[in-house]
Amino acid sequence: MRILNISYALPSKEVTNQGLIEQIVEKNRNQLSSQDLKSLEAKIKRFFKMSGTMIRYHRNIGEKALDFALKAGREALGKAAVKPQDVDLLIYAGVGRGWVEPATANLFQSELGLTSATCFDVLDACASWIRSLAIAKSFLAEKIYKMIMILNCEFNFKEYANLEISNSKDLENSFSAFTIGEAATATLVTADGCSDDFYFSFKTWGEKHGLCKIPLPNADDFSPNSGADGLQPMSFFTIPGELLSFTVKKMVSHFKETQAIAGKCHDIVIGHAASVSSTLKWAQLLKIDPSRVFETHARFGNTVSASLPLALAVAEAEGKLWRGMRVLLVMGSAGVTSALGSFRY
């Protein structure tokens, strides 16, 4: 398998920590006292310092998520000199979507003119893109498809971020949404006729599914503790301290146990940009040279399943990634799922 191109598109509104704090304070002005608002602001600033978040991009007035995914898809086709009708499979990957059914991929198959392509969605939280890349590898190896596009459109901030904070516990469970950035990416892959150098490994600890969740209105019907979870439908909920510590621990053990990846020397390492602190932590525990880690959280936030392809595209544009380099991908995702990928770019 060969990655022909990864393109991305960002919305135009640059959002700083202070700008977002001002939105949150204004949202809660009528329900919290002046003293409580000051305390809330101080806690959010402290949390941002811990996470390392600085900038993220959100939709401006009049901007639609659809347009950015189409821009990324068309740019990927153009840069790779691939005609739309030459794509025979489209995988739409990620959380961002406008409906539960049909597959969001159907929309983009039509809008991008991929008339020869069949399509489906892959939804595995932040691991959706790397899961899709592994699926694409299998299809190409079996010669079922020849040209595959993986598309995501992670525009999730205003849909799932709850800015109403009534107490410190609410802030802890809501804070991760405030680190969310928005982005769309399109990845084109094809078989290159050479021996396949891509290797993937996935592990899941499903008992921890409650640490990060965006529940649907009928979530209680799917909960072992029906009626006891108390989560707000369509609102981003996390228990960040436990989620990050557990995930980092499992990612480290997963890497060490996967000799096919751990035994290789990687030129550049790209992890899921959930926070700067979590990236630094697993890199330190794995004794990875920090100069080889390409970190994007501070300037883009957590772009969900778009984080890995966005980082790859930006690294290449900035001269940090070039053909022939060996890449390590490290993903820790809600579920909890740990994913590893190793390949020569």
C-alpha atoms as a PDB file:
ATOM      1  CA  MET A   1       0.000   0.000   0.000  1.00  0.00           C
ATOM      2  CA  ARG A   2       1.165   3.514  -0.773  1.00  0.00           C
ATOM      3  CA  ILE A   3      -0.218   6.802   0.508  1.00  0.00           C
ATOM      4  CA  LEU A   4      -0.539   8.995  -2.567  1.00  0.00           C
ATOM      5  CA  ASN A   5      -1.666  12.160  -0.809  1.00  0.00           C
ATOM      6  CA  ILE A   6      -3.151  13.500   2.407  1.00  0.00           C
ATOM      7  CA  SER A   7      -4.916  16.849   2.170  1.00  0.00           C
ATOM      8  CA  TYR A   8      -6.689  18.841   4.863  1.00  0.00           C
ATOM      9  CA  ALA A   9      -8.968  21.838   5.287  1.00  0.00           C
ATOM     10  CA  LEU A  10      -9.494  23.993   8.374  1.00  0.00           C
ATOM     11  CA  PRO A  11     -12.297  26.431   9.206  1.00  0.00           C
ATOM     12  CA  SER A  12     -11.334  30.104   9.358  1.00  0.00           C
ATOM     13  CA  LYS A  13     -12.057  31.064  12.968  1.00  0.00           C
ATOM     14  CA  GLU A  14      -8.944  30.895  15.129  1.00  0.00           C
ATOM     15  CA  VAL A  15     -10.015  30.349  18.742  1.00  0.00           C
ATOM     16  CA  THR A  16      -7.620  31.100  21.594  1.00  0.00           C
ATOM     17  CA  ASN A  17      -7.990  29.814  25.132  1.00  0.00           C
ATOM     18  CA  GLN A  18      -8.957  33.295  26.317  1.00  0.00           C
ATOM     19  CA  GLY A  19     -11.553  33.666  23.586  1.00  0.00           C
ATOM     20  CA  LEU A  20     -13.166  30.365  24.565  1.00  0.00           C
ATOM     21  CA  ILE A  21     -13.048  31.233  28.267  1.00  0.00           C
ATOM     22  CA  GLU A  22     -14.919  34.451  27.497  1.00  0.00           C
ATOM     23  CA  GLN A  23     -17.626  32.423  25.717  1.00  0.00           C
ATOM     24  CA  ILE A  24     -17.968  30.105  28.713  1.00  0.00           C
ATOM     25  CA  VAL A  25     -18.091  32.977  31.232  1.00  0.00           C
ATOM     26  CA  GLU A  26     -20.752  34.769  29.187  1.00  0.00           C
ATOM     27  CA  LYS A  27     -22.817  31.574  28.921  1.00  0.00           C
ATOM     28  CA  ASN A  28     -22.827  31.177  32.716  1.00  0.00           C
ATOM     29  CA  ARG A  29     -23.081  34.844  33.748  1.00  0.00           C
ATOM     30  CA  ASN A  30     -26.734  34.653  34.772  1.00  0.00           C
ATOM     31  CA  GLN A  31     -26.434  31.488  36.837  1.00  0.00           C
ATOM     32  CA  LEU A  32     -23.132  31.963  38.683  1.00  0.00           C
ATOM     33  CA  SER A  33     -21.994  34.687  41.056  1.00  0.00           C
ATOM     34  CA  SER A  34     -19.098  36.992  40.190  1.00  0.00           C
ATOM     35  CA  GLN A  35     -16.870  35.095  42.587  1.00  0.00           C
ATOM     36  CA  ASP A  36     -17.867  31.741  41.097  1.00  0.00           C
ATOM     37  CA  LEU A  37     -17.201  33.057  37.600  1.00  0.00           C
ATOM     38  CA  LYS A  38     -13.702  34.154  38.624  1.00  0.00           C
ATOM     39  CA  SER A  39     -13.083  30.747  40.166  1.00  0.00           C
ATOM     40  CA  LEU A  40     -14.390  29.028  37.017  1.00  0.00           C
ATOM     41  CA  GLU A  41     -12.111  31.107  34.798  1.00  0.00           C
ATOM     42  CA  ALA A  42      -9.084  30.337  36.963  1.00  0.00           C
ATOM     43  CA  LYS A  43      -9.789  26.586  36.877  1.00  0.00           C
ATOM     44  CA  ILE A  44     -10.207  26.526  33.108  1.00  0.00           C
ATOM     45  CA  LYS A  45      -6.924  28.398  32.678  1.00  0.00           C
ATOM     46  CA  ARG A  46      -5.227  25.866  34.949  1.00  0.00           C
ATOM     47  CA  PHE A  47      -6.694  22.964  32.943  1.00  0.00           C
ATOM     48  CA  PHE A  48      -5.532  24.527  29.663  1.00  0.00           C
ATOM     49  CA  LYS A  49      -2.039  24.884  31.071  1.00  0.00           C
ATOM     50  CA  MET A  50      -2.093  21.196  32.022  1.00  0.00           C
ATOM     51  CA  SER A  51      -3.343  20.069  28.602  1.00  0.00           C
ATOM     52  CA  GLY A  52      -1.067  22.365  26.597  1.00  0.00           C
ATOM     53  CA  THR A  53      -3.944  23.594  24.425  1.00  0.00           C
ATOM     54  CA  MET A  54      -3.385  27.039  22.881  1.00  0.00           C
ATOM     55  CA  ILE A  55      -5.158  27.390  19.523  1.00  0.00           C
ATOM     56  CA  ARG A  56      -7.909  25.531  17.721  1.00  0.00           C
ATOM     57  CA  TYR A  57     -10.010  26.319  14.635  1.00  0.00           C
ATOM     58  CA  HIS A  58     -13.815  26.432  14.597  1.00  0.00           C
ATOM     59  CA  ARG A  59     -16.387  27.264  11.947  1.00  0.00           C
ATOM     60  CA  ASN A  60     -17.029  30.935  11.394  1.00  0.00           C
ATOM     61  CA  ILE A  61     -20.448  32.357  10.571  1.00  0.00           C
ATOM     62  CA  GLY A  62     -21.673  30.909   7.275  1.00  0.00           C
ATOM     63  CA  GLU A  63     -19.156  28.069   7.151  1.00  0.00           C
ATOM     64  CA  LYS A  64     -20.423  24.489   6.771  1.00  0.00           C
ATOM     65  CA  ALA A  65     -18.611  21.281   7.645  1.00  0.00           C
ATOM     66  CA  LEU A  66     -19.570  19.804   4.259  1.00  0.00           C
ATOM     67  CA  ASP A  67     -17.555  22.398   2.356  1.00  0.00           C
ATOM     68  CA  PHE A  68     -14.308  21.596   4.149  1.00  0.00           C
ATOM     69  CA  ALA A  69     -14.557  17.858   3.545  1.00  0.00           C
ATOM     70  CA  LEU A  70     -15.219  18.516  -0.144  1.00  0.00           C
ATOM     71  CA  LYS A  71     -12.243  20.888  -0.290  1.00  0.00           C
ATOM     72  CA  ALA A  72      -9.944  18.276   1.263  1.00  0.00           C
ATOM     73  CA  GLY A  73     -11.268  15.527  -0.997  1.00  0.00           C
ATOM     74  CA  ARG A  74     -10.898  17.550  -4.196  1.00  0.00           C
ATOM     75  CA  GLU A  75      -7.428  18.725  -3.225  1.00  0.00           C
ATOM     76  CA  ALA A  76      -6.285  15.158  -2.547  1.00  0.00           C
ATOM     77  CA  LEU A  77      -7.561  14.031  -5.948  1.00  0.00           C
ATOM     78  CA  GLY A  78      -5.898  16.961  -7.695  1.00  0.00           C
ATOM     79  CA  LYS A  79      -2.517  16.636  -5.996  1.00  0.00           C
ATOM     80  CA  ALA A  80      -2.410  12.888  -6.621  1.00  0.00           C
ATOM     81  CA  ALA A  81      -3.567  13.351 -10.250  1.00  0.00           C
ATOM     82  CA  VAL A  82      -6.373  10.860  -9.636  1.00  0.00           C
ATOM     83  CA  LYS A  83      -9.691  11.153 -11.462  1.00  0.00           C
ATOM     84  CA  PRO A  84     -12.829  10.864  -9.295  1.00  0.00           C
ATOM     85  CA  GLN A  85     -14.035   7.864 -11.294  1.00  0.00           C
ATOM     86  CA  ASP A  86     -10.777   6.017 -10.554  1.00  0.00           C
ATOM     87  CA  VAL A  87     -11.629   5.765  -6.832  1.00  0.00           C
ATOM     88  CA  ASP A  88     -13.408   2.462  -6.260  1.00  0.00           C
ATOM     89  CA  LEU A  89     -13.872   2.632  -2.482  1.00  0.00           C
ATOM     90  CA  LEU A  90     -14.650   5.560  -0.179  1.00  0.00           C
ATOM     91  CA  ILE A  91     -14.390   5.102   3.585  1.00  0.00           C
ATOM     92  CA  TYR A  92     -15.836   7.881   5.706  1.00  0.00           C
ATOM     93  CA  ALA A  93     -14.086   7.784   9.074  1.00  0.00           C
ATOM     94  CA  GLY A  94     -14.897   9.470  12.350  1.00  0.00           C
ATOM     95  CA  VAL A  95     -17.409  10.957  14.754  1.00  0.00           C
ATOM     96  CA  GLY A  96     -18.546  14.008  12.765  1.00  0.00           C
ATOM     97  CA  ARG A  97     -21.767  13.359  10.849  1.00  0.00           C
ATOM     98  CA  GLY A  98     -25.186  14.859  10.177  1.00  0.00           C
ATOM     99  CA  TRP A  99     -27.323  11.741  10.665  1.00  0.00           C
ATOM    100  CA  VAL A 100     -27.233   8.211  12.010  1.00  0.00           C
ATOM    101  CA  GLU A 101     -28.260   6.688   8.688  1.00  0.00           C
ATOM    102  CA  PRO A 102     -27.488   6.288   5.860  1.00  0.00           C
ATOM    103  CA  ALA A 103     -23.708   6.120   5.896  1.00  0.00           C
ATOM    104  CA  THR A 104     -22.247   9.621   5.644  1.00  0.00           C
ATOM    105  CA  ALA A 105     -19.951   8.194   2.971  1.00  0.00           C
ATOM    106  CA  ASN A 106     -22.918   8.171   0.580  1.00  0.00           C
ATOM    107  CA  LEU A 107     -23.097  11.968   0.688  1.00  0.00           C
ATOM    108  CA  PHE A 108     -19.448  12.412  -0.224  1.00  0.00           C
ATOM    109  CA  GLN A 109     -19.484   9.649  -2.831  1.00  0.00           C
ATOM    110  CA  SER A 110     -22.130  11.717  -4.606  1.00  0.00           C
ATOM    111  CA  GLU A 111     -20.712  15.202  -4.013  1.00  0.00           C
ATOM    112  CA  LEU A 112     -17.160  14.262  -5.038  1.00  0.00           C
ATOM    113  CA  GLY A 113     -18.357  12.459  -8.150  1.00  0.00           C
ATOM    114  CA  LEU A 114     -16.855   9.108  -7.129  1.00  0.00           C
ATOM    115  CA  THR A 115     -19.220   7.317  -9.495  1.00  0.00           C
ATOM    116  CA  SER A 116     -17.273   4.030  -9.533  1.00  0.00           C
ATOM    117  CA  ALA A 117     -16.916   3.785  -5.777  1.00  0.00           C
ATOM    118  CA  THR A 118     -18.876   1.857  -3.226  1.00  0.00           C
ATOM    119  CA  CYS A 119     -18.685   3.292   0.274  1.00  0.00           C
ATOM    120  CA  PHE A 120     -19.261   2.843   3.990  1.00  0.00           C
ATOM    121  CA  ASP A 121     -18.535   4.481   7.345  1.00  0.00           C
ATOM    122  CA  VAL A 122     -16.082   3.483  10.062  1.00  0.00           C
ATOM    123  CA  LEU A 123     -16.909   4.825  13.520  1.00  0.00           C
ATOM    124  CA  ASP A 124     -14.351   4.078  16.234  1.00  0.00           C
ATOM    125  CA  ALA A 125     -14.021   7.439  17.965  1.00  0.00           C
ATOM    126  CA  CYS A 126     -10.561   8.972  17.492  1.00  0.00           C
ATOM    127  CA  ALA A 127      -9.199   5.651  16.166  1.00  0.00           C
ATOM    128  CA  SER A 128     -11.543   5.743  13.147  1.00  0.00           C
ATOM    129  CA  TRP A 129      -8.910   6.901  10.646  1.00  0.00           C
ATOM    130  CA  ILE A 130      -6.184   4.437  11.621  1.00  0.00           C
ATOM    131  CA  ARG A 131      -8.796   1.638  11.656  1.00  0.00           C
ATOM    132  CA  SER A 132      -9.808   2.701   8.149  1.00  0.00           C
ATOM    133  CA  LEU A 133      -6.192   2.706   6.985  1.00  0.00           C
ATOM    134  CA  ALA A 134      -5.786  -0.867   8.241  1.00  0.00           C
ATOM    135  CA  ILE A 135      -9.013  -1.889   6.468  1.00  0.00           C
ATOM    136  CA  ALA A 136      -7.779  -0.258   3.264  1.00  0.00           C
ATOM    137  CA  LYS A 137      -4.518  -2.207   3.495  1.00  0.00           C
ATOM    138  CA  SER A 138      -6.445  -5.491   3.674  1.00  0.00           C
ATOM    139  CA  PHE A 139      -8.674  -4.635   0.719  1.00  0.00           C
ATOM    140  CA  LEU A 140      -5.701  -3.610  -1.412  1.00  0.00           C
ATOM    141  CA  ALA A 141      -3.715  -6.693  -0.468  1.00  0.00           C
ATOM    142  CA  GLU A 142      -6.637  -8.909  -1.529  1.00  0.00           C
ATOM    143  CA  LYS A 143      -6.984  -6.891  -4.772  1.00  0.00           C
ATOM    144  CA  ILE A 144     -10.634  -6.209  -3.990  1.00  0.00           C
ATOM    145  CA  TYR A 145     -10.136  -2.479  -4.627  1.00  0.00           C
ATOM    146  CA  LYS A 146      -7.379  -0.522  -6.353  1.00  0.00           C
ATOM    147  CA  MET A 147      -7.847   3.101  -5.270  1.00  0.00           C
ATOM    148  CA  ILE A 148      -9.267   4.064  -1.876  1.00  0.00           C
ATOM    149  CA  MET A 149     -10.103   7.409  -0.332  1.00  0.00           C
ATOM    150  CA  ILE A 150     -10.426   7.799   3.437  1.00  0.00           C
ATOM    151  CA  LEU A 151     -12.326  10.962   4.293  1.00  0.00           C
ATOM    152  CA  ASN A 152     -13.212  12.530   7.610  1.00  0.00           C
ATOM    153  CA  CYS A 153     -14.974  15.703   8.615  1.00  0.00           C
ATOM    154  CA  GLU A 154     -14.503  16.267  12.339  1.00  0.00           C
ATOM    155  CA  PHE A 155     -16.620  19.334  13.030  1.00  0.00           C
ATOM    156  CA  ASN A 156     -17.891  18.572  16.516  1.00  0.00           C
ATOM    157  CA  PHE A 157     -17.409  21.581  18.774  1.00  0.00           C
ATOM    158  CA  LYS A 158     -20.714  23.454  18.822  1.00  0.00           C
ATOM    159  CA  GLU A 159     -22.670  20.209  18.403  1.00  0.00           C
ATOM    160  CA  TYR A 160     -21.319  18.426  21.482  1.00  0.00           C
ATOM    161  CA  ALA A 161     -19.535  20.963  23.735  1.00  0.00           C
ATOM    162  CA  ASN A 162     -21.583  21.919  26.787  1.00  0.00           C
ATOM    163  CA  LEU A 163     -20.640  25.456  27.856  1.00  0.00           C
ATOM    164  CA  GLU A 164     -23.038  25.501  30.818  1.00  0.00           C
ATOM    165  CA  ILE A 165     -21.022  24.823  33.979  1.00  0.00           C
ATOM    166  CA  SER A 166     -22.793  24.670  37.332  1.00  0.00           C
ATOM    167  CA  ASN A 167     -19.999  23.226  39.504  1.00  0.00           C
ATOM    168  CA  SER A 168     -16.405  21.994  39.457  1.00  0.00           C
ATOM    169  CA  LYS A 169     -17.478  18.418  38.645  1.00  0.00           C
ATOM    170  CA  ASP A 170     -19.299  19.649  35.547  1.00  0.00           C
ATOM    171  CA  LEU A 171     -16.135  21.448  34.490  1.00  0.00           C
ATOM    172  CA  GLU A 172     -13.986  18.340  34.880  1.00  0.00           C
ATOM    173  CA  ASN A 173     -16.358  16.211  32.789  1.00  0.00           C
ATOM    174  CA  SER A 174     -16.886  18.925  30.152  1.00  0.00           C
ATOM    175  CA  PHE A 175     -13.379  20.300  29.825  1.00  0.00           C
ATOM    176  CA  SER A 176     -12.091  17.912  27.140  1.00  0.00           C
ATOM    177  CA  ALA A 177     -14.653  19.358  24.709  1.00  0.00           C
ATOM    178  CA  PHE A 178     -13.015  22.787  25.120  1.00  0.00           C
ATOM    179  CA  THR A 179      -9.796  21.398  23.592  1.00  0.00           C
ATOM    180  CA  ILE A 180     -11.600  20.257  20.425  1.00  0.00           C
ATOM    181  CA  GLY A 181     -10.476  21.696  17.106  1.00  0.00           C
ATOM    182  CA  GLU A 182     -12.216  21.156  13.793  1.00  0.00           C
ATOM    183  CA  ALA A 183     -10.694  19.793  10.589  1.00  0.00           C
ATOM    184  CA  ALA A 184     -11.391  17.689   7.508  1.00  0.00           C
ATOM    185  CA  THR A 185      -8.859  15.373   5.867  1.00  0.00           C
ATOM    186  CA  ALA A 186      -8.762  13.200   2.758  1.00  0.00           C
ATOM    187  CA  THR A 187      -6.262  10.368   2.296  1.00  0.00           C
ATOM    188  CA  LEU A 188      -5.716   8.542  -1.007  1.00  0.00           C
ATOM    189  CA  VAL A 189      -4.092   5.102  -0.914  1.00  0.00           C
ATOM    190  CA  THR A 190      -3.386   2.525  -3.587  1.00  0.00           C
ATOM    191  CA  ALA A 191      -1.462  -0.702  -4.086  1.00  0.00           C
ATOM    192  CA  ASP A 192       2.049   0.044  -5.337  1.00  0.00           C
ATOM    193  CA  GLY A 193       3.106  -3.409  -6.500  1.00  0.00           C
ATOM    194  CA  CYS A 194       5.820  -3.684  -3.866  1.00  0.00           C
ATOM    195  CA  SER A 195       5.861  -5.809  -0.721  1.00  0.00           C
ATOM    196  CA  ASP A 196       3.566  -4.219   1.845  1.00  0.00           C
ATOM    197  CA  ASP A 197       5.485  -2.384   4.555  1.00  0.00           C
ATOM    198  CA  PHE A 198       2.480  -1.335   6.650  1.00  0.00           C
ATOM    199  CA  TYR A 199       1.953  -3.016  10.021  1.00  0.00           C
ATOM    200  CA  PHE A 200      -0.955  -2.317  12.400  1.00  0.00           C
ATOM    201  CA  SER A 201      -1.878  -3.532  15.867  1.00  0.00           C
ATOM    202  CA  PHE A 202      -5.038  -2.838  17.881  1.00  0.00           C
ATOM    203  CA  LYS A 203      -6.103  -3.635  21.443  1.00  0.00           C
ATOM    204  CA  THR A 204      -9.328  -2.724  23.252  1.00  0.00           C
ATOM    205  CA  TRP A 205     -10.402  -2.561  26.889  1.00  0.00           C
ATOM    206  CA  GLY A 206     -14.165  -2.299  26.492  1.00  0.00           C
ATOM    207  CA  GLU A 207     -14.833  -2.214  30.218  1.00  0.00           C
ATOM    208  CA  LYS A 208     -13.623   1.399  30.147  1.00  0.00           C
ATOM    209  CA  HIS A 209     -16.173   2.578  27.568  1.00  0.00           C
ATOM    210  CA  GLY A 210     -17.756   4.934  30.110  1.00  0.00           C
ATOM    211  CA  LEU A 211     -14.670   7.141  30.464  1.00  0.00           C
ATOM    212  CA  CYS A 212     -15.453   9.091  27.285  1.00  0.00           C
ATOM    213  CA  LYS A 213     -18.860   9.205  25.644  1.00  0.00           C
ATOM    214  CA  ILE A 214     -21.292  11.197  23.497  1.00  0.00           C
ATOM    215  CA  PRO A 215     -24.607   9.507  24.360  1.00  0.00           C
ATOM    216  CA  LEU A 216     -27.640   9.348  22.099  1.00  0.00           C
ATOM    217  CA  PRO A 217     -31.109  10.032  23.566  1.00  0.00           C
ATOM    218  CA  ASN A 218     -31.718   6.273  23.955  1.00  0.00           C
ATOM    219  CA  ALA A 219     -28.405   5.575  25.714  1.00  0.00           C
ATOM    220  CA  ASP A 220     -30.099   4.197  28.845  1.00  0.00           C
ATOM    221  CA  ASP A 221     -31.456   1.270  26.822  1.00  0.00           C
ATOM    222  CA  PHE A 222     -27.886   0.257  26.059  1.00  0.00           C
ATOM    223  CA  SER A 223     -26.456   0.812  29.533  1.00  0.00           C
ATOM    224  CA  PRO A 224     -25.910  -2.009  32.064  1.00  0.00           C
ATOM    225  CA  ASN A 225     -26.767   0.611  34.712  1.00  0.00           C
ATOM    226  CA  SER A 226     -29.904   1.883  32.987  1.00  0.00           C
ATOM    227  CA  GLY A 227     -31.006   5.240  34.324  1.00  0.00           C
ATOM    228  CA  ALA A 228     -27.950   5.585  36.552  1.00  0.00           C
ATOM    229  CA  ASP A 229     -25.435   7.166  34.171  1.00  0.00           C
ATOM    230  CA  GLY A 230     -27.117  10.568  34.147  1.00  0.00           C
ATOM    231  CA  LEU A 231     -25.321  11.712  31.008  1.00  0.00           C
ATOM    232  CA  GLN A 232     -26.767  14.482  28.890  1.00  0.00           C
ATOM    233  CA  PRO A 233     -27.675  13.254  25.385  1.00  0.00           C
ATOM    234  CA  MET A 234     -25.507  14.613  22.556  1.00  0.00           C
ATOM    235  CA  SER A 235     -23.044  16.186  25.009  1.00  0.00           C
ATOM    236  CA  PHE A 236     -19.334  15.318  25.177  1.00  0.00           C
ATOM    237  CA  PHE A 237     -18.565  13.643  28.539  1.00  0.00           C
ATOM    238  CA  THR A 238     -15.172  12.530  29.821  1.00  0.00           C
ATOM    239  CA  ILE A 239     -13.434  11.535  33.021  1.00  0.00           C
ATOM    240  CA  PRO A 240     -10.139  12.966  31.744  1.00  0.00           C
ATOM    241  CA  GLY A 241      -7.741  12.091  34.558  1.00  0.00           C
ATOM    242  CA  GLU A 242      -8.629   8.388  34.603  1.00  0.00           C
ATOM    243  CA  LEU A 243      -9.024   8.238  30.816  1.00  0.00           C
ATOM    244  CA  LEU A 244      -5.583   9.655  30.059  1.00  0.00           C
ATOM    245  CA  SER A 245      -3.692   7.753  32.756  1.00  0.00           C
ATOM    246  CA  PHE A 246      -5.299   4.421  31.820  1.00  0.00           C
ATOM    247  CA  THR A 247      -4.861   4.980  28.083  1.00  0.00           C
ATOM    248  CA  VAL A 248      -1.226   6.049  28.326  1.00  0.00           C
ATOM    249  CA  LYS A 249      -0.435   3.016  30.490  1.00  0.00           C
ATOM    250  CA  LYS A 250      -2.060   0.635  28.001  1.00  0.00           C
ATOM    251  CA  MET A 251      -0.491   2.317  24.968  1.00  0.00           C
ATOM    252  CA  VAL A 252       2.952   1.885  26.514  1.00  0.00           C
ATOM    253  CA  SER A 253       2.433  -1.796  27.356  1.00  0.00           C
ATOM    254  CA  HIS A 254       0.869  -2.418  23.929  1.00  0.00           C
ATOM    255  CA  PHE A 255       3.907  -0.904  22.188  1.00  0.00           C
ATOM    256  CA  LYS A 256       6.392  -2.885  24.256  1.00  0.00           C
ATOM    257  CA  GLU A 257       4.525  -6.137  23.556  1.00  0.00           C
ATOM    258  CA  THR A 258       4.395  -5.525  19.790  1.00  0.00           C
ATOM    259  CA  GLN A 259       7.898  -6.437  18.685  1.00  0.00           C
ATOM    260  CA  ALA A 260       7.078  -6.036  14.987  1.00  0.00           C
ATOM    261  CA  ILE A 261       6.760  -2.300  15.707  1.00  0.00           C
ATOM    262  CA  ALA A 262       8.875  -1.764  18.824  1.00  0.00           C
ATOM    263  CA  GLY A 263      11.850  -3.448  17.149  1.00  0.00           C
ATOM    264  CA  LYS A 264      11.974  -0.886  14.330  1.00  0.00           C
ATOM    265  CA  CYS A 265      13.731   2.484  14.306  1.00  0.00           C
ATOM    266  CA  HIS A 266      11.268   5.252  13.414  1.00  0.00           C
ATOM    267  CA  ASP A 267      12.277   8.588  11.921  1.00  0.00           C
ATOM    268  CA  ILE A 268       9.125  10.448  12.965  1.00  0.00           C
ATOM    269  CA  VAL A 269       6.511   9.644  15.594  1.00  0.00           C
ATOM    270  CA  ILE A 270       2.963  10.995  15.415  1.00  0.00           C
ATOM    271  CA  GLY A 271       0.441  10.404  18.169  1.00  0.00           C
ATOM    272  CA  HIS A 272      -3.189  11.269  18.677  1.00  0.00           C
ATOM    273  CA  ALA A 273      -3.065  14.882  19.823  1.00  0.00           C
ATOM    274  CA  ALA A 274      -5.430  14.583  22.786  1.00  0.00           C
ATOM    275  CA  SER A 275      -3.125  16.826  24.835  1.00  0.00           C
ATOM    276  CA  VAL A 276       0.497  17.889  24.867  1.00  0.00           C
ATOM    277  CA  SER A 277       0.968  16.405  28.329  1.00  0.00           C
ATOM    278  CA  SER A 278      -0.268  12.927  27.340  1.00  0.00           C
ATOM    279  CA  THR A 279       1.982  12.897  24.267  1.00  0.00           C
ATOM    280  CA  LEU A 280       5.003  13.877  26.353  1.00  0.00           C
ATOM    281  CA  LYS A 281       4.114  11.219  28.922  1.00  0.00           C
ATOM    282  CA  TRP A 282       3.933   8.215  26.599  1.00  0.00           C
ATOM    283  CA  ALA A 283       6.977   9.405  24.630  1.00  0.00           C
ATOM    284  CA  GLN A 284       8.952   9.628  27.864  1.00  0.00           C
ATOM    285  CA  LEU A 285       7.810   6.198  29.063  1.00  0.00           C
ATOM    286  CA  LEU A 286       8.743   4.661  25.707  1.00  0.00           C
ATOM    287  CA  LYS A 287      12.120   6.450  25.764  1.00  0.00           C
ATOM    288  CA  ILE A 288      11.403   8.059  22.387  1.00  0.00           C
ATOM    289  CA  ASP A 289      13.638  10.951  21.383  1.00  0.00           C
ATOM    290  CA  PRO A 290      11.393  14.058  21.766  1.00  0.00           C
ATOM    291  CA  SER A 291      12.896  15.553  18.601  1.00  0.00           C
ATOM    292  CA  ARG A 292      11.280  12.738  16.607  1.00  0.00           C
ATOM    293  CA  VAL A 293       7.786  13.424  17.958  1.00  0.00           C
ATOM    294  CA  PHE A 294       5.683  15.724  15.773  1.00  0.00           C
ATOM    295  CA  GLU A 295       3.171  17.320  18.148  1.00  0.00           C
ATOM    296  CA  THR A 296       0.159  19.293  16.865  1.00  0.00           C
ATOM    297  CA  HIS A 297      -2.193  19.729  19.823  1.00  0.00           C
ATOM    298  CA  ALA A 298      -1.010  23.194  20.861  1.00  0.00           C
ATOM    299  CA  ARG A 299      -1.833  24.722  17.473  1.00  0.00           C
ATOM    300  CA  PHE A 300      -4.836  22.647  16.314  1.00  0.00           C
ATOM    301  CA  GLY A 301      -6.342  21.180  19.477  1.00  0.00           C
ATOM    302  CA  ASN A 302      -7.808  17.688  19.539  1.00  0.00           C
ATOM    303  CA  THR A 303      -9.170  17.130  16.025  1.00  0.00           C
ATOM    304  CA  VAL A 304     -10.551  13.683  16.908  1.00  0.00           C
ATOM    305  CA  SER A 305     -10.009  11.104  14.119  1.00  0.00           C
ATOM    306  CA  ALA A 306      -8.473  13.798  11.892  1.00  0.00           C
ATOM    307  CA  SER A 307      -5.498  14.222  14.247  1.00  0.00           C
ATOM    308  CA  LEU A 308      -3.214  11.607  12.667  1.00  0.00           C
ATOM    309  CA  PRO A 309      -3.771  12.463   8.972  1.00  0.00           C
ATOM    310  CA  LEU A 310      -3.696  16.199   9.769  1.00  0.00           C
ATOM    311  CA  ALA A 311      -0.336  15.803  11.494  1.00  0.00           C
ATOM    312  CA  LEU A 312       1.062  13.742   8.611  1.00  0.00           C
ATOM    313  CA  ALA A 313      -0.025  16.359   6.062  1.00  0.00           C
ATOM    314  CA  VAL A 314       1.310  19.277   8.103  1.00  0.00           C
ATOM    315  CA  ALA A 315       4.594  17.493   8.808  1.00  0.00           C
ATOM    316  CA  GLU A 316       5.119  16.919   5.093  1.00  0.00           C
ATOM    317  CA  ALA A 317       4.203  20.522   4.227  1.00  0.00           C
ATOM    318  CA  GLU A 318       6.695  21.811   6.813  1.00  0.00           C
ATOM    319  CA  GLY A 319       9.553  19.586   5.634  1.00  0.00           C
ATOM    320  CA  LYS A 320       9.482  17.308   8.693  1.00  0.00           C
ATOM    321  CA  LEU A 321       8.203  14.276   6.759  1.00  0.00           C
ATOM    322  CA  TRP A 322       9.397  13.102   3.371  1.00  0.00           C
ATOM    323  CA  ARG A 323       9.269   9.982   1.248  1.00  0.00           C
ATOM    324  CA  GLY A 324      11.324   7.099   2.549  1.00  0.00           C
ATOM    325  CA  MET A 325      10.986   8.014   6.243  1.00  0.00           C
ATOM    326  CA  ARG A 326       9.714   5.369   8.641  1.00  0.00           C
ATOM    327  CA  VAL A 327       6.634   6.580  10.507  1.00  0.00           C
ATOM    328  CA  LEU A 328       5.211   5.427  13.832  1.00  0.00           C
ATOM    329  CA  LEU A 329       1.562   6.204  14.564  1.00  0.00           C
ATOM    330  CA  VAL A 330       0.362   5.995  18.176  1.00  0.00           C
ATOM    331  CA  MET A 331      -3.337   6.278  18.988  1.00  0.00           C
ATOM    332  CA  GLY A 332      -5.231   6.135  22.262  1.00  0.00           C
ATOM    333  CA  SER A 333      -8.975   6.368  21.726  1.00  0.00           C
ATOM    334  CA  ALA A 334     -12.231   6.217  23.665  1.00  0.00           C
ATOM    335  CA  GLY A 335     -13.332   2.642  24.063  1.00  0.00           C
ATOM    336  CA  VAL A 336     -10.613   2.320  25.353  1.00  0.00           C
ATOM    337  CA  THR A 337      -8.651   1.345  22.237  1.00  0.00           C
ATOM    338  CA  SER A 338      -4.909   1.469  21.672  1.00  0.00           C
ATOM    339  CA  ALA A 339      -3.708   1.455  18.053  1.00  0.00           C
ATOM    340  CA  LEU A 340      -0.228   1.352  16.542  1.00  0.00           C
ATOM    341  CA  GLY A 341       0.882   1.754  12.954  1.00  0.00           C
ATOM    342  CA  SER A 342       4.326   1.505  11.377  1.00  0.00           C
ATOM    343  CA  PHE A 343       5.210   2.086   7.728  1.00  0.00           C
ATOM    344  CA  ARG A 344       7.672   3.670   5.335  1.00  0.00           C
ATOM    345  CA  TYR A 345       6.137   6.788   3.848  1.00  0.00           C
END
